[in-house]
Each structure stands twice: as structure tokens, then as C-alpha cells.
Amino acid sequence: MNTKWLNVSGLVLDLIGVVLLFRYGMPYRVRTGGELLSLKTNVVNTEVVRIECLYDVLGWIGLACIAIGTALQIWAALRQSPSRG
């Protein structure tokens, strides 16, 4: 693969990862587990648990996109021929 396309692919993955993290948050934040924080009841809201799990997965995907995108950019930089002149 051409180094230009490695670099562009890395930038696109980084952008996707950043957007996912801004939208869904970091995956290691404290979750409520479906319980209301102000009331301690035995009722668990399954919809809140499902949304928290979805946000957790999307946050990890965002982090993975940033890591892979950065690795592609490093690979592209290392593959470039040394400049002459």
C-alpha cells in the first residue's frame, strides 16, 4: 500500500475515533447499572443498562480507531524513503 494512502487511512480512522469518543464518552467511566443515583431501589431499568452497554462498546471502538489510525500513520512515516537534497 502506498504511504500516502496509509497516512490518509490513519487520519480517517483517527477522525472516526475522536467523533465516537466525543459522542459516546470514554468507555471506563462509572456506569449506573440502571439504578437511579438518588434513589436506592431494587428496580433496574434495563433500557438504561442497554444504552450504557452500547455507549461502552462504541467508546472502545473509538479508542481502537484512534490507536489503529495512529499506528497506520507511524507505519507510513517509517515507510517513506529518506529525502534527498
PDB file of N, CA and C in Angstrom:
ATOM      1  N   MET A   1       0.850  -1.178   0.000  1.00  0.00           N
ATOM      2  CA  MET A   1       0.000   0.000   0.000  1.00  0.00           C
ATOM      3  C   MET A   1       0.892   1.237   0.000  1.00  0.00           C
ATOM      4  N   ASN A   2       0.507   2.217  -0.746  1.00  0.00           N
ATOM      5  CA  ASN A   2       1.233   3.468  -0.854  1.00  0.00           C
ATOM      6  C   ASN A   2       1.241   4.198   0.487  1.00  0.00           C
ATOM      7  N   THR A   3       2.340   4.857   0.817  1.00  0.00           N
ATOM      8  CA  THR A   3       2.428   5.552   2.101  1.00  0.00           C
ATOM      9  C   THR A   3       1.402   6.673   2.220  1.00  0.00           C
ATOM     10  N   LYS A   4       1.060   7.282   1.086  1.00  0.00           N
ATOM     11  CA  LYS A   4       0.051   8.350   1.123  1.00  0.00           C
ATOM     12  C   LYS A   4      -1.290   7.782   1.599  1.00  0.00           C
ATOM     13  N   TRP A   5      -1.655   6.607   1.082  1.00  0.00           N
ATOM     14  CA  TRP A   5      -2.936   6.014   1.467  1.00  0.00           C
ATOM     15  C   TRP A   5      -2.908   5.477   2.894  1.00  0.00           C
ATOM     16  N   LEU A   6      -1.748   5.020   3.356  1.00  0.00           N
ATOM     17  CA  LEU A   6      -1.632   4.630   4.768  1.00  0.00           C
ATOM     18  C   LEU A   6      -1.873   5.829   5.670  1.00  0.00           C
ATOM     19  N   ASN A   7      -1.280   6.953   5.296  1.00  0.00           N
ATOM     20  CA  ASN A   7      -1.425   8.172   6.084  1.00  0.00           C
ATOM     21  C   ASN A   7      -2.871   8.663   6.084  1.00  0.00           C
ATOM     22  N   VAL A   8      -3.495   8.666   4.913  1.00  0.00           N
ATOM     23  CA  VAL A   8      -4.888   9.115   4.810  1.00  0.00           C
ATOM     24  C   VAL A   8      -5.808   8.173   5.583  1.00  0.00           C
ATOM     25  N   SER A   9      -5.586   6.871   5.468  1.00  0.00           N
ATOM     26  CA  SER A   9      -6.396   5.901   6.215  1.00  0.00           C
ATOM     27  C   SER A   9      -6.253   6.113   7.726  1.00  0.00           C
ATOM     28  N   GLY A  10      -5.033   6.380   8.162  1.00  0.00           N
ATOM     29  CA  GLY A  10      -4.811   6.649   9.581  1.00  0.00           C
ATOM     30  C   GLY A  10      -5.534   7.894  10.044  1.00  0.00           C
ATOM     31  N   LEU A  11      -5.513   8.941   9.237  1.00  0.00           N
ATOM     32  CA  LEU A  11      -6.211  10.175   9.602  1.00  0.00           C
ATOM     33  C   LEU A  11      -7.720   9.968   9.659  1.00  0.00           C
ATOM     34  N   VAL A  12      -8.262   9.206   8.702  1.00  0.00           N
ATOM     35  CA  VAL A  12      -9.705   8.954   8.697  1.00  0.00           C
ATOM     36  C   VAL A  12     -10.104   8.146   9.933  1.00  0.00           C
ATOM     37  N   LEU A  13      -9.318   7.121  10.269  1.00  0.00           N
ATOM     38  CA  LEU A  13      -9.621   6.334  11.474  1.00  0.00           C
ATOM     39  C   LEU A  13      -9.513   7.187  12.732  1.00  0.00           C
ATOM     40  N   ASP A  14      -8.521   8.060  12.787  1.00  0.00           N
ATOM     41  CA  ASP A  14      -8.398   8.959  13.937  1.00  0.00           C
ATOM     42  C   ASP A  14      -9.618   9.866  14.060  1.00  0.00           C
ATOM     43  N   LEU A  15     -10.072  10.404  12.944  1.00  0.00           N
ATOM     44  CA  LEU A  15     -11.248  11.277  12.959  1.00  0.00           C
ATOM     45  C   LEU A  15     -12.489  10.516  13.433  1.00  0.00           C
ATOM     46  N   ILE A  16     -12.692   9.313  12.915  1.00  0.00           N
ATOM     47  CA  ILE A  16     -13.833   8.496  13.343  1.00  0.00           C
ATOM     48  C   ILE A  16     -13.746   8.205  14.833  1.00  0.00           C
ATOM     49  N   GLY A  17     -12.552   7.855  15.309  1.00  0.00           N
ATOM     50  CA  GLY A  17     -12.372   7.564  16.728  1.00  0.00           C
ATOM     51  C   GLY A  17     -12.652   8.761  17.618  1.00  0.00           C
ATOM     52  N   VAL A  18     -12.186   9.924  17.216  1.00  0.00           N
ATOM     53  CA  VAL A  18     -12.422  11.127  18.014  1.00  0.00           C
ATOM     54  C   VAL A  18     -13.907  11.474  18.058  1.00  0.00           C
ATOM     55  N   VAL A  19     -14.577  11.356  16.927  1.00  0.00           N
ATOM     56  CA  VAL A  19     -16.011  11.650  16.895  1.00  0.00           C
ATOM     57  C   VAL A  19     -16.768  10.671  17.795  1.00  0.00           C
ATOM     58  N   LEU A  20     -16.416   9.387  17.734  1.00  0.00           N
ATOM     59  CA  LEU A  20     -17.075   8.398  18.597  1.00  0.00           C
ATOM     60  C   LEU A  20     -16.837   8.705  20.073  1.00  0.00           C
ATOM     61  N   LEU A  21     -15.616   9.070  20.415  1.00  0.00           N
ATOM     62  CA  LEU A  21     -15.337   9.375  21.829  1.00  0.00           C
ATOM     63  C   LEU A  21     -16.054  10.631  22.297  1.00  0.00           C
ATOM     64  N   PHE A  22     -16.131  11.650  21.454  1.00  0.00           N
ATOM     65  CA  PHE A  22     -16.868  12.849  21.851  1.00  0.00           C
ATOM     66  C   PHE A  22     -18.352  12.567  21.993  1.00  0.00           C
ATOM     67  N   ARG A  23     -18.881  11.715  21.130  1.00  0.00           N
ATOM     68  CA  ARG A  23     -20.316  11.431  21.158  1.00  0.00           C
ATOM     69  C   ARG A  23     -20.706  10.473  22.287  1.00  0.00           C
ATOM     70  N   TYR A  24     -19.914   9.417  22.482  1.00  0.00           N
ATOM     71  CA  TYR A  24     -20.304   8.354  23.414  1.00  0.00           C
ATOM     72  C   TYR A  24     -19.463   8.293  24.684  1.00  0.00           C
ATOM     73  N   GLY A  25     -18.405   9.048  24.780  1.00  0.00           N
ATOM     74  CA  GLY A  25     -17.619   9.113  26.004  1.00  0.00           C
ATOM     75  C   GLY A  25     -16.599   7.998  26.133  1.00  0.00           C
ATOM     76  N   MET A  26     -15.734   8.167  27.099  1.00  0.00           N
ATOM     77  CA  MET A  26     -14.713   7.165  27.368  1.00  0.00           C
ATOM     78  C   MET A  26     -15.370   5.910  27.934  1.00  0.00           C
ATOM     79  N   PRO A  27     -14.880   4.738  27.559  1.00  0.00           N
ATOM     80  CA  PRO A  27     -15.546   3.509  27.972  1.00  0.00           C
ATOM     81  C   PRO A  27     -15.363   3.137  29.439  1.00  0.00           C
ATOM     82  N   TYR A  28     -14.462   3.771  30.143  1.00  0.00           N
ATOM     83  CA  TYR A  28     -14.214   3.363  31.521  1.00  0.00           C
ATOM     84  C   TYR A  28     -14.852   4.295  32.555  1.00  0.00           C
ATOM     85  N   ARG A  29     -15.827   5.093  32.147  1.00  0.00           N
ATOM     86  CA  ARG A  29     -16.496   5.947  33.121  1.00  0.00           C
ATOM     87  C   ARG A  29     -17.432   5.104  33.993  1.00  0.00           C
ATOM     88  N   VAL A  30     -17.835   5.638  35.115  1.00  0.00           N
ATOM     89  CA  VAL A  30     -18.671   4.908  36.065  1.00  0.00           C
ATOM     90  C   VAL A  30     -20.086   4.794  35.515  1.00  0.00           C
ATOM     91  N   ARG A  31     -20.597   3.585  35.490  1.00  0.00           N
ATOM     92  CA  ARG A  31     -21.947   3.332  34.990  1.00  0.00           C
ATOM     93  C   ARG A  31     -22.916   3.232  36.159  1.00  0.00           C
ATOM     94  N   THR A  32     -24.174   3.532  35.895  1.00  0.00           N
ATOM     95  CA  THR A  32     -25.177   3.481  36.955  1.00  0.00           C
ATOM     96  C   THR A  32     -25.736   2.082  37.130  1.00  0.00           C
ATOM     97  N   GLY A  33     -25.604   1.245  36.133  1.00  0.00           N
ATOM     98  CA  GLY A  33     -26.162  -0.100  36.215  1.00  0.00           C
ATOM     99  C   GLY A  33     -27.672  -0.100  36.151  1.00  0.00           C
ATOM    100  N   GLY A  34     -28.264   0.992  35.668  1.00  0.00           N
ATOM    101  CA  GLY A  34     -29.704   1.085  35.524  1.00  0.00           C
ATOM    102  C   GLY A  34     -30.427   1.585  36.755  1.00  0.00           C
ATOM    103  N   GLU A  35     -29.700   1.857  37.835  1.00  0.00           N
ATOM    104  CA  GLU A  35     -30.335   2.349  39.056  1.00  0.00           C
ATOM    105  C   GLU A  35     -30.303   3.871  39.081  1.00  0.00           C
ATOM    106  N   LEU A  36     -31.321   4.454  39.665  1.00  0.00           N
ATOM    107  CA  LEU A  36     -31.313   5.896  39.881  1.00  0.00           C
ATOM    108  C   LEU A  36     -30.321   6.207  40.981  1.00  0.00           C
ATOM    109  N   LEU A  37     -29.486   7.199  40.762  1.00  0.00           N
ATOM    110  CA  LEU A  37     -28.457   7.504  41.751  1.00  0.00           C
ATOM    111  C   LEU A  37     -29.043   8.098  43.028  1.00  0.00           C
ATOM    112  N   SER A  38     -30.156   8.816  42.918  1.00  0.00           N
ATOM    113  CA  SER A  38     -30.707   9.453  44.106  1.00  0.00           C
ATOM    114  C   SER A  38     -31.566   8.491  44.925  1.00  0.00           C
ATOM    115  N   LEU A  39     -32.078   7.457  44.299  1.00  0.00           N
ATOM    116  CA  LEU A  39     -32.936   6.502  44.997  1.00  0.00           C
ATOM    117  C   LEU A  39     -32.313   5.118  44.938  1.00  0.00           C
ATOM    118  N   LYS A  40     -32.167   4.477  46.051  1.00  0.00           N
ATOM    119  CA  LYS A  40     -31.648   3.113  46.079  1.00  0.00           C
ATOM    120  C   LYS A  40     -32.832   2.165  46.141  1.00  0.00           C
ATOM    121  N   THR A  41     -33.191   1.640  44.988  1.00  0.00           N
ATOM    122  CA  THR A  41     -34.296   0.692  44.918  1.00  0.00           C
ATOM    123  C   THR A  41     -33.791  -0.597  44.286  1.00  0.00           C
ATOM    124  N   ASN A  42     -34.608  -1.604  44.322  1.00  0.00           N
ATOM    125  CA  ASN A  42     -34.245  -2.865  43.695  1.00  0.00           C
ATOM    126  C   ASN A  42     -34.673  -2.920  42.236  1.00  0.00           C
ATOM    127  N   VAL A  43     -35.221  -1.839  41.724  1.00  0.00           N
ATOM    128  CA  VAL A  43     -35.686  -1.794  40.344  1.00  0.00           C
ATOM    129  C   VAL A  43     -34.521  -1.385  39.449  1.00  0.00           C
ATOM    130  N   VAL A  44     -34.257  -2.197  38.423  1.00  0.00           N
ATOM    131  CA  VAL A  44     -33.191  -1.910  37.471  1.00  0.00           C
ATOM    132  C   VAL A  44     -33.831  -1.595  36.124  1.00  0.00           C
ATOM    133  N   ASN A  45     -33.483  -0.459  35.580  1.00  0.00           N
ATOM    134  CA  ASN A  45     -34.010  -0.053  34.281  1.00  0.00           C
ATOM    135  C   ASN A  45     -33.166  -0.707  33.191  1.00  0.00           C
ATOM    136  N   THR A  46     -33.728  -1.712  32.523  1.00  0.00           N
ATOM    137  CA  THR A  46     -32.964  -2.454  31.524  1.00  0.00           C
ATOM    138  C   THR A  46     -32.632  -1.606  30.308  1.00  0.00           C
ATOM    139  N   GLU A  47     -33.453  -0.613  30.005  1.00  0.00           N
ATOM    140  CA  GLU A  47     -33.169   0.266  28.874  1.00  0.00           C
ATOM    141  C   GLU A  47     -31.904   1.082  29.138  1.00  0.00           C
ATOM    142  N   VAL A  48     -31.731   1.566  30.370  1.00  0.00           N
ATOM    143  CA  VAL A  48     -30.526   2.324  30.732  1.00  0.00           C
ATOM    144  C   VAL A  48     -29.308   1.413  30.675  1.00  0.00           C
ATOM    145  N   VAL A  49     -29.442   0.175  31.135  1.00  0.00           N
ATOM    146  CA  VAL A  49     -28.325  -0.767  31.088  1.00  0.00           C
ATOM    147  C   VAL A  49     -27.932  -1.036  29.637  1.00  0.00           C
ATOM    148  N   ARG A  50     -28.920  -1.214  28.769  1.00  0.00           N
ATOM    149  CA  ARG A  50     -28.642  -1.480  27.356  1.00  0.00           C
ATOM    150  C   ARG A  50     -27.926  -0.295  26.703  1.00  0.00           C
ATOM    151  N   ILE A  51     -28.384   0.919  26.999  1.00  0.00           N
ATOM    152  CA  ILE A  51     -27.757   2.116  26.430  1.00  0.00           C
ATOM    153  C   ILE A  51     -26.333   2.277  26.958  1.00  0.00           C
ATOM    154  N   GLU A  52     -26.122   2.017  28.248  1.00  0.00           N
ATOM    155  CA  GLU A  52     -24.773   2.109  28.809  1.00  0.00           C
ATOM    156  C   GLU A  52     -23.840   1.091  28.164  1.00  0.00           C
ATOM    157  N   CYS A  53     -24.324  -0.112  27.911  1.00  0.00           N
ATOM    158  CA  CYS A  53     -23.502  -1.127  27.248  1.00  0.00           C
ATOM    159  C   CYS A  53     -23.164  -0.702  25.821  1.00  0.00           C
ATOM    160  N   LEU A  54     -24.137  -0.136  25.114  1.00  0.00           N
ATOM    161  CA  LEU A  54     -23.903   0.341  23.754  1.00  0.00           C
ATOM    162  C   LEU A  54     -22.859   1.462  23.748  1.00  0.00           C
ATOM    163  N   TYR A  55     -22.990   2.409  24.664  1.00  0.00           N
ATOM    164  CA  TYR A  55     -22.027   3.501  24.751  1.00  0.00           C
ATOM    165  C   TYR A  55     -20.640   2.964  25.091  1.00  0.00           C
ATOM    166  N   ASP A  56     -20.575   1.953  25.940  1.00  0.00           N
ATOM    167  CA  ASP A  56     -19.306   1.351  26.319  1.00  0.00           C
ATOM    168  C   ASP A  56     -18.630   0.731  25.096  1.00  0.00           C
ATOM    169  N   VAL A  57     -19.380  -0.023  24.315  1.00  0.00           N
ATOM    170  CA  VAL A  57     -18.827  -0.661  23.117  1.00  0.00           C
ATOM    171  C   VAL A  57     -18.374   0.398  22.111  1.00  0.00           C
ATOM    172  N   LEU A  58     -19.195   1.402  21.875  1.00  0.00           N
ATOM    173  CA  LEU A  58     -18.830   2.445  20.918  1.00  0.00           C
ATOM    174  C   LEU A  58     -17.619   3.255  21.398  1.00  0.00           C
ATOM    175  N   GLY A  59     -17.483   3.431  22.703  1.00  0.00           N
ATOM    176  CA  GLY A  59     -16.299   4.099  23.238  1.00  0.00           C
ATOM    177  C   GLY A  59     -15.033   3.294  22.985  1.00  0.00           C
ATOM    178  N   TRP A  60     -15.115   1.970  23.180  1.00  0.00           N
ATOM    179  CA  TRP A  60     -13.955   1.106  22.912  1.00  0.00           C
ATOM    180  C   TRP A  60     -13.626   1.084  21.419  1.00  0.00           C
ATOM    181  N   ILE A  61     -14.648   1.100  20.570  1.00  0.00           N
ATOM    182  CA  ILE A  61     -14.405   1.156  19.125  1.00  0.00           C
ATOM    183  C   ILE A  61     -13.704   2.469  18.772  1.00  0.00           C
ATOM    184  N   GLY A  62     -14.118   3.573  19.399  1.00  0.00           N
ATOM    185  CA  GLY A  62     -13.463   4.855  19.166  1.00  0.00           C
ATOM    186  C   GLY A  62     -12.001   4.832  19.572  1.00  0.00           C
ATOM    187  N   LEU A  63     -11.712   4.260  20.728  1.00  0.00           N
ATOM    188  CA  LEU A  63     -10.311   4.152  21.166  1.00  0.00           C
ATOM    189  C   LEU A  63      -9.504   3.276  20.224  1.00  0.00           C
ATOM    190  N   ALA A  64     -10.097   2.172  19.781  1.00  0.00           N
ATOM    191  CA  ALA A  64      -9.402   1.278  18.853  1.00  0.00           C
ATOM    192  C   ALA A  64      -9.125   1.981  17.529  1.00  0.00           C
ATOM    193  N   CYS A  65     -10.080   2.765  17.040  1.00  0.00           N
ATOM    194  CA  CYS A  65      -9.878   3.514  15.791  1.00  0.00           C
ATOM    195  C   CYS A  65      -8.718   4.491  15.920  1.00  0.00           C
ATOM    196  N   ILE A  66      -8.634   5.170  17.046  1.00  0.00           N
ATOM    197  CA  ILE A  66      -7.536   6.116  17.254  1.00  0.00           C
ATOM    198  C   ILE A  66      -6.196   5.384  17.319  1.00  0.00           C
ATOM    199  N   ALA A  67      -6.143   4.257  18.025  1.00  0.00           N
ATOM    200  CA  ALA A  67      -4.893   3.505  18.133  1.00  0.00           C
ATOM    201  C   ALA A  67      -4.463   2.947  16.775  1.00  0.00           C
ATOM    202  N   ILE A  68      -5.387   2.371  16.030  1.00  0.00           N
ATOM    203  CA  ILE A  68      -5.057   1.810  14.715  1.00  0.00           C
ATOM    204  C   ILE A  68      -4.678   2.926  13.739  1.00  0.00           C
ATOM    205  N   GLY A  69      -5.403   4.031  13.782  1.00  0.00           N
ATOM    206  CA  GLY A  69      -5.089   5.159  12.912  1.00  0.00           C
ATOM    207  C   GLY A  69      -3.701   5.724  13.178  1.00  0.00           C
ATOM    208  N   THR A  70      -3.341   5.819  14.447  1.00  0.00           N
ATOM    209  CA  THR A  70      -2.003   6.306  14.799  1.00  0.00           C
ATOM    210  C   THR A  70      -0.935   5.326  14.331  1.00  0.00           C
ATOM    211  N   ALA A  71      -1.195   4.029  14.489  1.00  0.00           N
ATOM    212  CA  ALA A  71      -0.243   3.012  14.029  1.00  0.00           C
ATOM    213  C   ALA A  71      -0.053   3.083  12.513  1.00  0.00           C
ATOM    214  N   LEU A  72      -1.132   3.310  11.772  1.00  0.00           N
ATOM    215  CA  LEU A  72      -1.020   3.447  10.317  1.00  0.00           C
ATOM    216  C   LEU A  72      -0.194   4.674   9.931  1.00  0.00           C
ATOM    217  N   GLN A  73      -0.368   5.759  10.659  1.00  0.00           N
ATOM    218  CA  GLN A  73       0.419   6.958  10.366  1.00  0.00           C
ATOM    219  C   GLN A  73       1.898   6.735  10.680  1.00  0.00           C
ATOM    220  N   ILE A  74       2.186   6.029  11.764  1.00  0.00           N
ATOM    221  CA  ILE A  74       3.582   5.716  12.104  1.00  0.00           C
ATOM    222  C   ILE A  74       4.183   4.818  11.027  1.00  0.00           C
ATOM    223  N   TRP A  75       3.420   3.811  10.609  1.00  0.00           N
ATOM    224  CA  TRP A  75       3.887   2.905   9.566  1.00  0.00           C
ATOM    225  C   TRP A  75       4.169   3.668   8.275  1.00  0.00           C
ATOM    226  N   ALA A  76       3.299   4.591   7.909  1.00  0.00           N
ATOM    227  CA  ALA A  76       3.503   5.386   6.699  1.00  0.00           C
ATOM    228  C   ALA A  76       4.761   6.241   6.817  1.00  0.00           C
ATOM    229  N   ALA A  77       4.987   6.806   7.990  1.00  0.00           N
ATOM    230  CA  ALA A  77       6.180   7.648   8.182  1.00  0.00           C
ATOM    231  C   ALA A  77       7.455   6.814   8.105  1.00  0.00           C
ATOM    232  N   LEU A  78       7.409   5.593   8.618  1.00  0.00           N
ATOM    233  CA  LEU A  78       8.598   4.743   8.584  1.00  0.00           C
ATOM    234  C   LEU A  78       8.872   4.186   7.184  1.00  0.00           C
ATOM    235  N   ARG A  79       7.835   4.060   6.367  1.00  0.00           N
ATOM    236  CA  ARG A  79       7.998   3.521   5.013  1.00  0.00           C
ATOM    237  C   ARG A  79       8.469   4.568   4.018  1.00  0.00           C
ATOM    238  N   GLN A  80       8.373   5.845   4.362  1.00  0.00           N
ATOM    239  CA  GLN A  80       8.780   6.897   3.430  1.00  0.00           C
ATOM    240  C   GLN A  80      10.265   6.789   3.149  1.00  0.00           C
ATOM    241  N   SER A  81      10.608   7.000   1.904  1.00  0.00           N
ATOM    242  CA  SER A  81      12.030   6.983   1.549  1.00  0.00           C
ATOM    243  C   SER A  81      12.696   8.226   2.105  1.00  0.00           C
ATOM    244  N   PRO A  82      13.952   8.126   2.461  1.00  0.00           N
ATOM    245  CA  PRO A  82      14.638   9.310   3.000  1.00  0.00           C
ATOM    246  C   PRO A  82      14.719  10.410   1.949  1.00  0.00           C
ATOM    247  N   SER A  83      14.555  11.636   2.408  1.00  0.00           N
ATOM    248  CA  SER A  83      14.587  12.759   1.477  1.00  0.00           C
ATOM    249  C   SER A  83      16.011  13.001   0.998  1.00  0.00           C
ATOM    250  N   ARG A  84      16.114  13.381  -0.251  1.00  0.00           N
ATOM    251  CA  ARG A  84      17.419  13.651  -0.838  1.00  0.00           C
ATOM    252  C   ARG A  84      17.507  15.129  -1.161  1.00  0.00           C
ATOM    253  N   GLY A  85      18.593  15.700  -0.746  1.00  0.00           N
ATOM    254  CA  GLY A  85      18.740  17.089  -1.112  1.00  0.00           C
ATOM    255  C   GLY A  85      19.323  17.921  -0.087  1.00  0.00           C
TER     256      GLY A  85
END
